[in-house]
Protein backbone atom coordinates (compact mmCIF):
# COMPACT_ATOMS: atom_id res chain seq x y z
CA MET A 1 32.11 -4.09 -24.28
CA LEU A 2 32.60 -5.42 -20.75
CA CYS A 3 34.90 -4.09 -18.02
CA ILE A 4 34.92 -3.22 -14.31
CA VAL A 5 35.04 0.52 -13.59
CA LYS A 6 35.01 2.74 -10.50
CA SER A 7 31.76 3.73 -8.84
CA ASN A 8 30.72 6.55 -6.53
CA ARG A 9 28.43 4.14 -4.65
CA ASN A 10 31.31 1.98 -3.34
CA LYS A 11 30.08 -1.07 -5.24
CA PRO A 12 31.67 -3.01 -8.10
CA THR A 13 30.47 -1.45 -11.33
CA LEU A 14 30.30 -3.17 -14.68
CA LEU A 15 30.46 -1.30 -17.97
CA LEU A 16 28.33 -3.37 -20.32
CA ASP A 17 27.31 -2.14 -23.78
CA THR A 18 28.05 1.50 -22.82
CA PHE A 19 25.76 1.20 -19.74
CA ARG A 20 27.01 1.19 -16.16
CA CYS A 21 25.66 -1.63 -13.96
CA ILE A 22 26.37 -1.96 -10.24
CA GLN A 23 26.64 -5.27 -8.43
CA ASP A 24 23.25 -6.20 -6.99
CA ASN A 25 23.75 -9.61 -5.42
CA ILE A 26 25.96 -12.72 -5.42
CA LEU A 27 24.56 -16.23 -5.03
CA ASN A 28 27.21 -18.96 -5.13
CA THR A 29 29.10 -18.26 -8.38
CA THR A 30 26.33 -16.20 -9.98
CA VAL A 31 26.62 -12.41 -9.95
CA TYR A 32 23.60 -10.17 -10.50
CA TRP A 33 23.98 -6.65 -11.89
CA LYS A 34 21.51 -3.80 -12.15
CA CYS A 35 21.58 -0.53 -14.02
CA GLU A 36 23.15 2.36 -12.12
CA ASN A 37 20.08 4.43 -12.97
CA ARG A 38 17.57 3.52 -10.24
CA SER A 39 14.59 4.19 -12.51
CA CYS A 40 15.89 1.83 -15.21
CA PRO A 41 14.76 -1.83 -15.18
CA GLY A 42 17.99 -2.98 -16.87
CA ARG A 43 19.43 -6.15 -15.30
CA ALA A 44 22.39 -8.38 -16.18
CA ILE A 45 23.53 -11.79 -14.95
CA GLN A 46 26.97 -13.39 -14.90
CA TYR A 47 27.57 -17.11 -14.39
CA SER A 48 30.96 -18.01 -12.86
CA SER A 49 33.74 -16.54 -15.00
CA ASN A 50 31.59 -16.21 -18.11
CA PRO A 51 30.86 -12.73 -19.52
CA ALA A 52 27.78 -10.99 -18.19
CA SER A 53 24.69 -10.90 -20.38
CA MET A 54 21.61 -8.70 -20.28
CA LYS A 55 18.57 -10.22 -18.58
CA LYS A 56 16.30 -7.17 -18.81
CA SER A 57 16.86 -4.49 -21.41
CA HIS A 58 17.64 -0.91 -20.46
CA ASN A 59 15.02 1.81 -20.66
CA HIS A 60 16.27 5.29 -19.89
CA ASP A 61 13.35 7.07 -21.48
CA ALA A 62 12.10 8.34 -18.13
CA ASP A 63 10.44 11.37 -19.70
CA GLU A 64 8.11 9.13 -21.71
CA MET A 65 7.18 7.17 -18.59
CA LYS A 66 6.57 10.32 -16.57
CA TYR A 67 4.48 11.79 -19.39
CA LYS A 68 2.27 8.72 -19.66
CA TYR A 69 1.94 8.59 -15.86
CA SER A 70 1.06 12.30 -15.54
CA ILE A 71 -1.54 12.12 -18.33
CA GLY A 72 -3.11 9.12 -16.63
CA LEU A 73 -3.20 10.90 -13.28
CA TYR A 74 -4.86 13.92 -14.89
CA PHE A 75 -7.81 11.87 -16.13
CA LYS A 76 -7.98 9.85 -12.89
CA SER A 77 -8.20 13.09 -10.89
CA TRP A 78 -11.71 13.52 -12.31
CA LEU A 79 -12.75 10.52 -10.20
CA LEU A 80 -11.89 12.33 -6.96
CA ASN A 81 -14.40 14.53 -5.19
CA ASN A 82 -12.65 17.34 -3.31
CA ASP A 83 -15.77 19.47 -2.85
CA HIS A 84 -17.55 18.40 0.33
CA GLU A 85 -19.42 20.31 2.99
CA ASN A 86 -18.54 17.99 5.89
CA GLU A 87 -15.47 16.14 7.05
CA HIS A 88 -15.45 12.43 6.32
CA LEU A 89 -14.16 11.16 9.63
CA GLN A 90 -14.05 12.18 13.28
CA LEU A 91 -11.27 10.49 15.25
CA TYR A 92 -11.82 10.49 19.02
CA ILE A 93 -8.84 10.19 21.37
CA PRO A 94 -9.71 9.34 25.01
CA PRO A 95 -8.56 11.79 27.73
CA ILE A 96 -5.81 10.84 30.17
CA GLU A 97 -8.20 10.02 33.01
CA THR A 98 -11.41 8.25 32.05
CA ALA A 99 -13.20 5.27 33.56
CA GLU A 100 -15.98 5.04 30.97
CA TYR A 101 -15.19 4.07 27.42
CA ILE A 102 -18.09 6.05 26.01
CA ILE A 103 -17.42 9.05 23.81
CA ASP A 104 -18.36 12.34 25.44
CA HIS A 105 -17.22 15.97 25.31
CA SER A 106 -14.04 15.20 27.25
CA TRP A 107 -12.62 13.20 24.33
CA HIS A 108 -10.28 14.93 21.87
CA MET A 109 -11.74 15.03 18.37
CA ILE A 110 -9.66 15.28 15.20
CA ARG A 111 -11.54 15.95 11.96
CA CYS A 112 -10.16 14.11 8.95
CA ASP A 113 -10.81 13.85 5.24
CA LEU A 114 -10.50 10.56 3.38
CA GLN A 115 -9.21 10.01 -0.11
CA GLU A 116 -9.06 6.81 -2.11
CA ILE A 117 -5.54 5.94 -3.22
CA LEU A 118 -6.51 2.99 -5.43
CA ILE A 119 -9.29 2.38 -7.91
CA ASP A 120 -11.54 -0.33 -6.51
CA PRO A 121 -11.03 -3.32 -8.84
CA HIS A 122 -14.71 -4.21 -8.36
CA HIS A 123 -15.51 -1.20 -10.56
CA GLN A 124 -13.48 -2.61 -13.46
CA VAL A 125 -15.21 -4.47 -16.27
CA ASN A 126 -12.94 -7.50 -15.80
CA HIS A 127 -12.76 -7.13 -12.03
CA ASP A 128 -12.54 -10.91 -11.54
CA ARG A 129 -9.02 -10.77 -13.02
CA PHE A 130 -7.81 -8.83 -9.97
CA PHE A 131 -8.88 -11.39 -7.35
CA ILE A 132 -8.32 -15.00 -6.42
CA TYR A 133 -11.58 -16.74 -5.54
CA THR A 134 -12.18 -19.95 -3.61
CA GLU A 135 -15.85 -20.07 -4.57
CA PRO A 136 -17.92 -18.93 -7.58
CA SER A 137 -17.73 -15.16 -7.86
CA ARG A 138 -20.82 -13.00 -7.84
CA ILE A 139 -21.15 -9.91 -9.97
CA SER A 140 -22.84 -7.04 -8.19
CA SER A 141 -23.98 -3.80 -9.78
CA LEU A 142 -24.96 -0.45 -8.37
CA THR A 143 -28.71 -0.11 -8.13
CA GLN A 144 -28.76 3.55 -7.12
CA ASN A 145 -27.15 6.68 -8.35
CA SER A 146 -24.22 7.27 -6.01
CA SER A 147 -24.32 11.03 -6.60
CA SER A 148 -27.75 11.26 -4.94
CA LEU A 149 -26.57 9.57 -1.74
CA SER A 150 -25.19 11.54 1.21
CA LEU A 151 -22.20 10.13 3.03
CA PRO A 152 -22.33 9.91 6.84
CA ILE A 153 -19.60 11.33 9.06
CA TYR A 154 -17.87 8.29 10.45
CA GLN A 155 -16.62 8.27 14.03
CA LEU A 156 -13.67 6.16 15.10
CA LYS A 157 -12.84 5.43 18.72
CA ALA A 158 -9.15 5.05 19.48
CA LEU A 159 -8.62 1.81 21.44
CA ASN A 160 -4.91 1.16 21.81
CA PHE A 161 -1.53 1.22 20.11
CA ILE A 162 0.40 -1.68 18.64
CA LYS A 163 3.95 -1.78 17.32
CA GLN A 164 4.34 -1.57 13.55
CA THR A 165 5.85 -5.06 13.50
CA ASN A 166 3.24 -6.63 15.81
CA TYR A 167 0.47 -7.39 13.33
CA CYS A 168 -0.18 -9.99 10.69
CA ILE A 169 -0.64 -8.64 7.17
CA SER A 170 -3.19 -11.39 6.44
CA LEU A 171 -5.61 -9.69 8.86
CA ILE A 172 -5.71 -6.51 6.72
CA PHE A 173 -8.45 -6.43 4.10
CA GLY A 174 -10.37 -4.03 1.87
CA MET A 175 -9.27 -0.89 0.07
CA PRO A 176 -6.83 1.43 1.86
CA LEU A 177 -7.75 5.07 2.38
CA LEU A 178 -5.48 8.08 2.76
CA VAL A 179 -6.29 10.17 5.86
CA ILE A 180 -5.40 13.86 5.95
CA SER A 181 -6.35 16.76 8.17
CA SER A 182 -9.78 18.04 7.17
CA ALA A 183 -10.00 21.29 5.19
CA CYS A 184 -13.79 21.42 5.16
CA TYR A 185 -14.86 24.92 4.17
CA LYS A 186 -17.68 25.18 6.72
CA TYR A 187 -15.13 25.69 9.53
CA ASP A 188 -13.23 28.91 10.11
CA ILE A 189 -9.49 29.24 9.60
CA GLU A 190 -8.71 29.09 13.31
CA SER A 191 -10.59 25.81 13.75
CA ILE A 192 -8.90 24.29 10.70
CA GLU A 193 -5.43 25.29 11.94
CA LYS A 194 -6.13 23.95 15.46
CA ASN A 195 -7.37 20.66 14.01
CA GLU A 196 -4.31 20.44 11.76
CA ILE A 197 -1.99 20.84 14.77
CA ALA A 198 -3.82 18.01 16.56
CA PHE A 199 -3.57 15.81 13.46
CA ASP A 200 0.16 16.52 13.07
CA THR A 201 0.69 15.72 16.75
CA LEU A 202 -0.91 12.32 16.31
CA THR A 203 1.00 11.60 13.09
CA GLU A 204 4.37 12.56 14.58
CA TYR A 205 3.71 10.51 17.73
CA LEU A 206 2.99 7.41 15.64
CA ARG A 207 6.06 8.02 13.49
CA GLN A 208 8.53 8.61 16.32
CA ASN A 209 7.37 5.62 18.36
CA GLU A 210 6.81 3.33 15.35
CA LEU A 211 3.22 2.67 16.40
CA MET A 212 -0.13 2.03 14.76
CA LEU A 213 -3.50 2.97 16.24
CA ILE A 214 -6.30 0.41 16.58
CA CYS A 215 -9.74 2.02 16.28
CA ARG A 216 -13.34 0.85 16.42
CA LEU A 217 -16.18 2.28 14.40
CA ASN A 218 -18.54 4.13 16.72
CA ASP A 219 -22.27 3.84 16.10
CA CYS A 220 -24.08 7.17 16.33
CA SER A 221 -27.61 5.82 15.84
CA SER A 222 -29.04 4.64 19.14
CA SER A 223 -32.17 3.26 17.48
CA SER A 224 -30.49 0.38 15.68
CA ILE A 225 -29.56 -2.49 17.97
CA MET A 226 -27.97 -4.40 15.11
CA ASN A 227 -25.57 -1.55 14.29
CA GLN A 228 -24.57 -1.29 17.95
CA SER A 229 -23.80 -5.01 18.11
CA PHE A 230 -21.43 -5.08 15.13
CA SER A 231 -18.76 -2.47 14.53
CA GLY A 232 -15.68 -2.94 12.41
CA HIS A 233 -12.12 -2.33 13.53
CA PHE A 234 -9.56 -0.27 11.67
CA ILE A 235 -5.86 0.41 11.87
CA LEU A 236 -4.22 3.82 11.38
CA SER A 237 -0.58 3.88 10.34
CA VAL A 238 1.80 6.58 9.21
CA ALA A 239 1.90 7.16 5.45
CA SER A 240 3.98 9.99 4.00
CA GLN A 241 4.00 13.78 3.92
CA GLY A 242 1.95 14.24 7.08
CA SER A 243 -0.78 11.73 6.24
CA LEU A 244 -2.10 8.48 7.65
CA LEU A 245 -3.28 5.24 6.10
CA LEU A 246 -6.62 3.74 7.17
CA ARG A 247 -7.25 0.04 6.60
CA SER A 248 -9.79 -2.46 7.84
CA ILE A 249 -8.46 -5.10 10.20
CA ALA A 250 -10.19 -8.36 11.03
CA SER A 251 -11.85 -8.98 14.38
CA SER A 252 -12.55 -12.36 15.94
CA GLU A 253 -15.90 -12.71 14.12
CA LEU A 254 -14.15 -12.75 10.74
CA LEU A 255 -11.49 -15.35 11.52
CA LEU A 256 -11.63 -18.77 9.89
CA PRO A 257 -10.01 -21.86 11.41
CA LEU A 258 -6.54 -22.69 10.21
CA PRO A 259 -6.09 -25.80 8.05
CA ASN A 260 -4.92 -29.00 9.68
CA LEU A 261 -1.16 -29.16 9.21
CA THR A 262 -0.54 -32.46 11.00
CA THR A 263 0.00 -34.31 7.72
CA ARG A 264 2.83 -31.98 6.74
CA GLN A 265 4.37 -32.13 10.18
CA ILE A 266 5.05 -35.84 9.72
CA ILE A 267 8.11 -35.05 7.60
CA LYS A 268 9.06 -32.09 9.74
CA HIS A 269 12.08 -33.79 11.30
CA GLU A 270 12.95 -35.88 8.27
CA GLN A 271 15.38 -34.81 5.58
CA LYS A 272 13.46 -33.13 2.79
CA GLN A 273 14.49 -33.36 -0.84
CA LYS A 274 15.19 -30.31 -2.94
CA ASP A 275 14.02 -29.88 -6.51
CA GLU A 276 17.20 -28.82 -8.29
CA ASN A 277 15.35 -27.45 -11.32
CA VAL A 278 13.16 -25.23 -9.14
CA PHE A 279 16.19 -24.22 -7.07
CA LYS A 280 18.12 -23.13 -10.18
CA SER A 281 15.12 -21.16 -11.41
CA LEU A 282 14.94 -19.38 -8.06
CA LEU A 283 18.62 -18.47 -8.30
CA ASN A 284 18.05 -16.96 -11.75
CA MET A 285 15.41 -14.57 -10.46
CA ASN A 286 16.56 -11.05 -9.70
CA ILE A 287 16.44 -9.71 -6.14
CA GLU A 288 15.27 -6.11 -5.98
CA ASP A 289 16.71 -4.08 -3.12
CA GLU A 290 14.41 -1.15 -3.77
CA GLU A 291 10.77 -0.75 -2.84
CA TYR A 292 7.92 -1.88 -5.08
CA ASN A 293 7.27 0.65 -7.84
CA PRO A 294 3.82 0.18 -9.47
CA LEU A 295 4.96 2.09 -12.57
CA TYR A 296 6.95 -0.98 -13.64
CA TYR A 297 3.97 -3.34 -13.36
CA GLU A 298 0.91 -3.04 -15.61
CA ALA A 299 -2.19 -5.21 -15.53
CA CYS A 300 -3.05 -4.30 -19.12
CA LYS A 301 -1.13 -6.40 -21.63
CA SER A 302 -1.55 -3.93 -24.49
CA LYS A 303 1.17 -1.32 -24.82
CA ILE A 304 0.38 2.30 -25.57
CA THR A 305 2.66 3.91 -28.13
CA LEU A 306 3.11 7.61 -27.53
CA ASN A 307 3.67 10.16 -30.22
CA LYS A 308 6.93 11.79 -29.11
CA ASN A 309 6.03 14.91 -31.06
CA LEU A 310 3.43 15.58 -28.36
CA ILE A 311 5.98 15.44 -25.54
C-alpha cells in the first residue's frame, strides 16, 4: 500500500506497507523517505514517478535494542573505577592580573575527575581492525599489573580560548575523556560544593560563548629536565549534562609536512570529468539528518539473538 498522508511534522508523509515515512531529501527526480519513528532505521527510495520501495527494513523493536544495550552497559560498568582517594586532575585558571605564567597560589584551581567514555581499541584482541596503519603495526602488551600502580594527579594550565569552529579535527588524537567535578571523598562537603560551583561556572562560560579551552600539561617534578621540556597540550570542550570533554591536541612537534599537491593543481583550472557510475551510487546513498548513533553501528559481524522470554 502506498499513499501520501498528513503529517504533524509539516513534511510530506508516505504510507508504505502500513508504515509512515516522512520525506528526507530530494535529489533531482529521486525522493528519499525515512521512517517517522526516529529510532527506526527504515528507509525508502522513489525514482521519478515510480512507486517507492524499501531500501532499509523497519525495526521498531526498540525494547530489544534497549535491553541489549543496558545489559552490555551493566557488564562494562565493571571496567570503571569510581573508588579513588584523590582527584584525577587539577585545572588551574590564571587570575585576572598576572605577569608570570607560573602556577602559584593566586591561580584558581578546579578539581576534576576523569572517566573513560570509550574502550581503548588497543585492549581488544583484534585491535588492529580498529585502526588504519601506514607502517607495520607493533603489538604491545602490559608488563606490569595496572592495579599496583598509583596514578598521579595531573595539572593542566589554562592557556587561552578558541572558538568551537576554529580548530582542525585532524589535530585531535588519542582517546577522549569525560571531565566532571570531583567528588573525592577525602574533601569535606563544603569544599566539594565550592569546587562544583567553580566547575559549573567554567562549563557554562564555555557553552554560552561557544568556546574551547586550550591547556598545557604542567610538570610538577622539578628534578626531571626532560619532563619540563616536553608537555602535551589538551583541549577542553563542553559535553553534556554539566560535563566537559578532554582530548589531546597536536603541538608543532607532532606535525608532519603536507604532501606535495602541485601535480593535482595542474588540472585545477581545467574541466574535470565526472564518473557517472560513481555519481549515481552517491545519489543512491541515504543522507541522515540526525546525529551519529553508535547503537546502529556494530563492529562485530555476529548477531546476538535474545530470548524474548527474558525481557
